[in-house]
N, C-alpha and C. Protein backbone atom coordinates (compact mmCIF):
# COMPACT_ATOMS: atom_id res chain seq x y z
N MET A 1 124.21 106.95 94.97
CA MET A 1 122.85 106.17 95.19
C MET A 1 123.05 104.68 95.78
N ILE A 2 123.09 104.67 97.39
CA ILE A 2 122.94 103.28 97.79
C ILE A 2 121.77 102.27 97.63
N THR A 3 121.61 101.54 97.38
CA THR A 3 120.09 100.44 97.66
C THR A 3 120.47 99.57 98.40
N PHE A 4 119.69 98.92 98.75
CA PHE A 4 119.57 97.35 99.80
C PHE A 4 117.84 96.84 99.27
N GLN A 5 118.32 95.60 99.80
CA GLN A 5 117.16 94.90 99.38
C GLN A 5 116.16 94.61 100.60
N ASN A 6 115.17 95.14 100.27
CA ASN A 6 114.21 95.02 101.57
C ASN A 6 113.63 93.67 101.75
N ALA A 7 112.49 93.23 102.80
CA ALA A 7 112.79 91.77 103.32
C ALA A 7 111.53 90.68 102.30
N SER A 8 110.79 91.81 101.26
CA SER A 8 110.39 91.32 99.67
C SER A 8 110.72 90.91 98.79
N GLY A 9 112.80 91.16 98.64
CA GLY A 9 113.66 90.96 97.92
C GLY A 9 113.44 92.48 96.76
N LEU A 10 112.62 92.97 97.16
CA LEU A 10 112.32 94.25 96.53
C LEU A 10 113.90 95.63 96.52
N GLU A 11 114.35 95.75 95.05
CA GLU A 11 116.00 96.83 95.13
C GLU A 11 114.75 98.33 95.71
N LEU A 12 115.61 98.32 96.89
CA LEU A 12 115.03 100.05 96.96
C LEU A 12 116.49 101.04 97.19
N ILE A 13 116.03 102.14 97.35
CA ILE A 13 116.99 103.58 97.90
C ILE A 13 117.10 103.51 99.16
N ASP A 14 118.48 103.97 99.98
CA ASP A 14 118.42 103.57 101.25
C ASP A 14 118.47 105.51 100.87
N ALA A 15 117.11 106.02 101.65
CA ALA A 15 117.12 107.11 101.52
C ALA A 15 117.96 108.19 102.53
N ASN A 16 117.98 107.14 103.26
CA ASN A 16 118.47 107.62 104.80
C ASN A 16 119.91 108.17 104.73
N MET A 17 120.69 107.81 103.37
CA MET A 17 121.62 107.88 102.85
C MET A 17 122.17 109.43 102.05
N GLU A 18 120.89 109.68 101.71
CA GLU A 18 121.02 110.98 100.51
C GLU A 18 121.53 112.09 101.82
N SER A 19 122.31 113.32 101.40
CA SER A 19 122.61 114.36 101.53
C SER A 19 122.14 115.18 101.81
N THR A 20 120.42 115.28 100.83
CA THR A 20 119.80 116.13 100.94
C THR A 20 118.18 116.18 101.59
N ALA A 21 117.61 117.18 101.41
CA ALA A 21 116.40 116.82 101.31
C ALA A 21 115.52 116.49 100.52
N VAL A 22 115.78 116.92 99.16
CA VAL A 22 115.07 116.75 97.86
C VAL A 22 115.67 115.44 97.28
N GLY A 23 117.25 115.31 97.97
CA GLY A 23 117.77 114.07 97.43
C GLY A 23 116.71 112.37 98.23
N ALA A 24 116.42 112.54 99.34
CA ALA A 24 116.12 111.87 100.25
C ALA A 24 114.31 111.54 99.80
N TYR A 25 113.52 113.05 99.54
CA TYR A 25 112.34 112.85 99.03
C TYR A 25 112.32 112.07 97.60
N GLN A 26 113.33 112.41 96.92
CA GLN A 26 112.93 112.17 95.62
C GLN A 26 113.00 109.98 95.50
N ALA A 27 114.21 109.98 96.79
CA ALA A 27 114.71 108.65 96.48
C ALA A 27 113.24 107.79 97.16
N ARG A 28 112.53 108.36 97.88
CA ARG A 28 111.57 107.88 99.54
C ARG A 28 110.34 107.47 97.93
N GLN A 29 109.85 108.57 96.75
CA GLN A 29 108.78 108.45 95.86
C GLN A 29 109.37 107.51 94.55
N ALA A 30 110.95 107.24 94.50
CA ALA A 30 111.08 106.41 93.60
C ALA A 30 110.78 104.54 94.38
N ASN A 31 111.33 104.40 95.63
CA ASN A 31 111.00 103.45 96.74
C ASN A 31 109.46 103.42 96.53
N ILE A 32 108.13 104.06 97.00
CA ILE A 32 107.25 104.18 96.55
C ILE A 32 106.37 103.44 95.10
N SER A 33 107.13 103.84 94.29
CA SER A 33 106.27 103.62 92.92
C SER A 33 106.80 102.14 92.92
N ILE A 34 107.86 101.84 93.35
CA ILE A 34 108.51 100.56 93.20
C ILE A 34 107.63 99.71 93.85
N LEU A 35 107.01 99.69 95.34
CA LEU A 35 106.11 99.22 95.99
C LEU A 35 105.19 99.28 95.67
N LEU A 36 104.52 100.76 95.11
CA LEU A 36 102.80 100.13 94.60
C LEU A 36 103.16 99.51 93.26
N ALA A 37 103.76 99.02 92.29
CA ALA A 37 104.12 98.16 91.21
C ALA A 37 104.25 96.78 91.98
N ALA A 38 105.15 96.73 92.89
CA ALA A 38 104.97 95.16 93.78
C ALA A 38 103.74 94.77 93.86
N LEU A 39 102.76 95.69 94.50
CA LEU A 39 101.74 96.06 95.11
C LEU A 39 100.74 95.40 94.15
N ASN A 40 100.25 95.86 93.22
CA ASN A 40 99.91 95.69 92.11
C ASN A 40 99.90 94.10 91.46
N ASP A 41 101.68 93.72 91.21
CA ASP A 41 102.00 92.38 90.40
C ASP A 41 101.00 91.52 91.82
N LYS A 42 101.02 91.45 93.10
CA LYS A 42 101.20 90.76 94.41
C LYS A 42 99.44 90.70 93.59
N LEU A 43 98.86 91.57 93.99
CA LEU A 43 97.13 91.64 93.69
C LEU A 43 96.86 90.71 92.39
N ALA A 44 97.67 91.03 91.45
CA ALA A 44 97.36 89.99 90.38
C ALA A 44 97.51 88.91 90.51
N LEU A 45 98.53 88.50 91.10
CA LEU A 45 98.60 86.92 91.53
C LEU A 45 97.55 86.58 92.18
N HIS A 46 97.47 87.45 93.55
CA HIS A 46 96.40 86.94 94.61
C HIS A 46 94.61 86.73 93.89
N SER A 47 94.84 87.54 92.65
CA SER A 47 93.39 87.82 92.50
C SER A 47 93.13 86.28 91.00
N GLN A 48 93.83 86.02 90.72
CA GLN A 48 94.04 84.62 90.20
C GLN A 48 93.97 83.83 90.93
N ARG A 49 94.51 83.17 91.90
CA ARG A 49 94.17 82.57 93.16
C ARG A 49 93.10 82.48 93.92
N ALA A 50 91.98 83.83 93.94
CA ALA A 50 90.83 83.62 94.00
C ALA A 50 89.83 83.59 93.30
N ALA A 51 90.14 83.46 92.10
CA ALA A 51 89.13 83.39 90.84
C ALA A 51 89.26 81.67 90.87
N ASN A 52 90.30 80.78 91.48
CA ASN A 52 90.33 79.41 91.13
C ASN A 52 89.33 79.20 92.29
N GLN A 53 89.44 79.95 93.72
CA GLN A 53 88.71 79.07 94.94
C GLN A 53 87.53 80.33 95.22
N PRO A 54 86.64 80.13 94.92
CA PRO A 54 85.45 81.31 94.65
C PRO A 54 84.56 81.29 95.80
N ARG A 55 84.77 80.29 96.15
CA ARG A 55 83.57 80.25 97.76
C ARG A 55 84.50 80.67 99.02
N ASP A 56 85.62 80.53 98.54
CA ASP A 56 86.84 81.04 99.74
C ASP A 56 87.25 82.51 100.14
N TRP A 57 86.56 82.76 101.53
CA TRP A 57 86.19 83.87 101.93
C TRP A 57 87.67 84.62 102.40
N GLY A 58 88.20 83.72 102.65
CA GLY A 58 90.04 83.80 102.79
C GLY A 58 89.87 85.64 101.95
N TYR A 59 90.20 84.71 100.96
CA TYR A 59 90.91 85.88 99.69
C TYR A 59 90.39 87.29 100.00
N ALA A 60 88.99 87.41 100.55
CA ALA A 60 88.55 88.96 100.72
C ALA A 60 88.79 89.34 101.98
N GLY A 61 89.08 88.49 102.96
CA GLY A 61 89.74 89.22 103.84
C GLY A 61 90.65 89.65 103.92
N ASP A 62 91.79 89.13 103.18
CA ASP A 62 93.32 89.36 102.86
C ASP A 62 92.86 90.86 102.40
N LEU A 63 92.43 90.86 101.51
CA LEU A 63 92.01 92.64 100.71
C LEU A 63 91.19 93.37 101.36
N GLY A 64 90.32 92.70 102.56
CA GLY A 64 90.24 93.80 103.69
C GLY A 64 91.16 94.25 104.45
N SER A 65 92.11 93.70 104.88
CA SER A 65 93.53 94.08 105.77
C SER A 65 94.03 94.94 104.76
N VAL A 66 94.38 94.72 103.75
CA VAL A 66 95.16 95.28 102.74
C VAL A 66 94.20 96.68 102.59
N GLN A 67 93.34 97.02 102.23
CA GLN A 67 92.63 97.89 102.18
C GLN A 67 92.53 98.92 103.18
N GLU A 68 91.95 98.05 104.26
CA GLU A 68 92.29 99.33 106.12
C GLU A 68 93.80 99.94 105.96
N ARG A 69 94.85 98.88 105.63
CA ARG A 69 96.19 99.68 105.76
C ARG A 69 96.15 100.59 104.65
N LEU A 70 95.79 100.69 103.54
CA LEU A 70 96.25 101.85 102.37
C LEU A 70 95.62 102.84 102.63
N GLU A 71 94.15 102.68 103.57
CA GLU A 71 93.30 103.80 104.31
C GLU A 71 94.24 104.23 105.17
N ARG A 72 94.94 103.98 106.10
CA ARG A 72 95.60 104.71 107.08
C ARG A 72 96.74 105.15 106.36
N ILE A 73 97.26 104.97 105.39
CA ILE A 73 98.31 105.06 104.72
C ILE A 73 97.99 106.76 104.07
N VAL A 74 96.53 106.57 103.55
CA VAL A 74 96.32 107.98 102.53
C VAL A 74 95.87 108.58 103.18
N GLU A 75 95.61 108.77 104.74
CA GLU A 75 95.35 109.48 105.67
C GLU A 75 96.49 110.68 105.89
N VAL A 76 97.80 109.79 105.91
CA VAL A 76 98.85 110.46 105.77
C VAL A 76 98.96 112.03 105.23
N PHE A 77 98.40 111.95 104.11
CA PHE A 77 97.69 113.08 103.13
C PHE A 77 97.23 113.50 102.94
N ALA A 78 95.97 113.46 103.81
CA ALA A 78 94.82 113.77 104.13
C ALA A 78 94.89 115.24 104.74
N SER A 79 95.89 115.29 105.80
CA SER A 79 96.19 116.61 106.36
C SER A 79 96.70 117.84 105.71
N GLU A 80 96.88 117.44 104.87
CA GLU A 80 97.71 118.71 104.04
C GLU A 80 97.08 119.72 102.98
């Protein structure tokens, strides 16, 4: 298993280096779990900052952008 550090500093598995479809699938599934955990951590920090500035609409706007992207991602599986 070969890993790399992505732009956010997370250690992910290089799924492109897997020799089988099953290996690549499992690597990507593990990477998605890592990314989702990181997203939850970042969301918790963002929430704390937003709580300190309750009148700042920028935080709500940030989440609107994230929500739109997540909706597009979920649509990938909607066609199955």
